[in-house]
Amino acid sequence: MKQKMTFEEAAARLEELVSKMETGEPTLEDSLKLFEEGSTLSSFCYRKLSETEQKVRSITDLEEKKVKTDEQN
């Protein structure tokens, strides 16, 4: 996996790996390598999604607090 891969690039590569494996053409050894790369990409994507979800929650919480403060004034 390249150093500065975006979520979109990782997801696209993951789709490529799945497509390759679904063909049944790779050898067992190659399938294992594809699986290992896919596992790494999957973890990366999950981490990115979790980070993004946390940021969205933080923004939402701040906005909710702001609205409550404005309503009280």
C-alpha atoms as a PDB file:
ATOM      1  CA  MET A   1       0.000   0.000   0.000  1.00  0.00           C
ATOM      2  CA  LYS A   2       1.420   3.391  -0.947  1.00  0.00           C
ATOM      3  CA  GLN A   3       2.138   5.908   1.796  1.00  0.00           C
ATOM      4  CA  LYS A   4      -0.466   8.633   1.124  1.00  0.00           C
ATOM      5  CA  MET A   5      -3.364   6.595  -0.223  1.00  0.00           C
ATOM      6  CA  THR A   6      -6.799   8.175  -0.027  1.00  0.00           C
ATOM      7  CA  PHE A   7      -9.888   6.345   1.146  1.00  0.00           C
ATOM      8  CA  GLU A   8     -11.195   6.327  -2.422  1.00  0.00           C
ATOM      9  CA  GLU A   9      -7.959   4.860  -3.796  1.00  0.00           C
ATOM     10  CA  ALA A  10      -7.916   2.180  -1.116  1.00  0.00           C
ATOM     11  CA  ALA A  11     -11.557   1.270  -1.763  1.00  0.00           C
ATOM     12  CA  ALA A  12     -10.930   1.062  -5.514  1.00  0.00           C
ATOM     13  CA  ARG A  13      -7.873  -1.159  -4.995  1.00  0.00           C
ATOM     14  CA  LEU A  14      -9.880  -3.346  -2.630  1.00  0.00           C
ATOM     15  CA  GLU A  15     -12.522  -3.770  -5.342  1.00  0.00           C
ATOM     16  CA  GLU A  16      -9.781  -4.763  -7.811  1.00  0.00           C
ATOM     17  CA  LEU A  17      -8.446  -7.386  -5.414  1.00  0.00           C
ATOM     18  CA  VAL A  18     -11.897  -8.851  -4.814  1.00  0.00           C
ATOM     19  CA  SER A  19     -12.547  -9.036  -8.554  1.00  0.00           C
ATOM     20  CA  LYS A  20      -9.230 -10.827  -9.127  1.00  0.00           C
ATOM     21  CA  MET A  21      -9.928 -13.328  -6.378  1.00  0.00           C
ATOM     22  CA  GLU A  22     -13.470 -13.975  -7.604  1.00  0.00           C
ATOM     23  CA  THR A  23     -12.153 -15.100 -10.978  1.00  0.00           C
ATOM     24  CA  GLY A  24     -10.480 -18.077  -9.329  1.00  0.00           C
ATOM     25  CA  GLU A  25      -7.431 -17.562 -11.530  1.00  0.00           C
ATOM     26  CA  PRO A  26      -4.807 -16.641  -8.909  1.00  0.00           C
ATOM     27  CA  THR A  27      -2.851 -19.484  -7.389  1.00  0.00           C
ATOM     28  CA  LEU A  28      -3.327 -20.258  -3.724  1.00  0.00           C
ATOM     29  CA  GLU A  29      -0.116 -18.378  -2.894  1.00  0.00           C
ATOM     30  CA  ASP A  30      -1.170 -15.365  -4.980  1.00  0.00           C
ATOM     31  CA  SER A  31      -4.633 -15.463  -3.427  1.00  0.00           C
ATOM     32  CA  LEU A  32      -3.069 -15.311   0.013  1.00  0.00           C
ATOM     33  CA  LYS A  33      -1.009 -12.258  -1.003  1.00  0.00           C
ATOM     34  CA  LEU A  34      -4.131 -10.591  -2.404  1.00  0.00           C
ATOM     35  CA  PHE A  35      -6.005 -11.426   0.786  1.00  0.00           C
ATOM     36  CA  GLU A  36      -3.245  -9.944   2.949  1.00  0.00           C
ATOM     37  CA  GLU A  37      -3.222  -6.738   0.912  1.00  0.00           C
ATOM     38  CA  GLY A  38      -7.011  -6.629   1.044  1.00  0.00           C
ATOM     39  CA  SER A  39      -6.991  -7.060   4.792  1.00  0.00           C
ATOM     40  CA  THR A  40      -4.598  -4.131   5.159  1.00  0.00           C
ATOM     41  CA  LEU A  41      -6.730  -1.986   2.856  1.00  0.00           C
ATOM     42  CA  SER A  42      -9.892  -2.958   4.691  1.00  0.00           C
ATOM     43  CA  SER A  43      -8.357  -1.925   8.021  1.00  0.00           C
ATOM     44  CA  PHE A  44      -7.205   1.363   6.504  1.00  0.00           C
ATOM     45  CA  CYS A  45     -10.685   2.094   5.128  1.00  0.00           C
ATOM     46  CA  TYR A  46     -12.325   1.201   8.439  1.00  0.00           C
ATOM     47  CA  ARG A  47      -9.932   3.496  10.296  1.00  0.00           C
ATOM     48  CA  LYS A  48     -10.612   6.368   7.867  1.00  0.00           C
ATOM     49  CA  LEU A  49     -14.370   5.890   8.183  1.00  0.00           C
ATOM     50  CA  SER A  50     -14.132   5.823  11.979  1.00  0.00           C
ATOM     51  CA  GLU A  51     -12.042   9.006  12.018  1.00  0.00           C
ATOM     52  CA  THR A  52     -14.503  10.729   9.724  1.00  0.00           C
ATOM     53  CA  GLU A  53     -17.457   9.605  11.811  1.00  0.00           C
ATOM     54  CA  GLN A  54     -15.786  11.019  14.926  1.00  0.00           C
ATOM     55  CA  LYS A  55     -15.185  14.355  13.195  1.00  0.00           C
ATOM     56  CA  VAL A  56     -18.817  14.510  12.071  1.00  0.00           C
ATOM     57  CA  ARG A  57     -19.972  13.765  15.618  1.00  0.00           C
ATOM     58  CA  SER A  58     -17.727  16.485  17.018  1.00  0.00           C
ATOM     59  CA  ILE A  59     -19.051  19.032  14.528  1.00  0.00           C
ATOM     60  CA  THR A  60     -22.633  17.978  15.193  1.00  0.00           C
ATOM     61  CA  ASP A  61     -22.141  18.186  18.958  1.00  0.00           C
ATOM     62  CA  LEU A  62     -20.654  21.683  18.660  1.00  0.00           C
ATOM     63  CA  GLU A  63     -23.528  22.836  16.487  1.00  0.00           C
ATOM     64  CA  GLU A  64     -26.102  21.373  18.885  1.00  0.00           C
ATOM     65  CA  LYS A  65     -24.455  23.176  21.808  1.00  0.00           C
ATOM     66  CA  LYS A  66     -24.422  26.410  19.824  1.00  0.00           C
ATOM     67  CA  VAL A  67     -28.128  26.077  18.996  1.00  0.00           C
ATOM     68  CA  LYS A  68     -28.992  25.375  22.648  1.00  0.00           C
ATOM     69  CA  THR A  69     -26.949  28.381  23.779  1.00  0.00           C
ATOM     70  CA  ASP A  70     -28.628  30.596  21.178  1.00  0.00           C
ATOM     71  CA  GLU A  71     -32.078  29.349  22.245  1.00  0.00           C
ATOM     72  CA  GLN A  72     -31.356  30.145  25.894  1.00  0.00           C
ATOM     73  CA  ASN A  73     -30.413  33.760  25.069  1.00  0.00           C
END
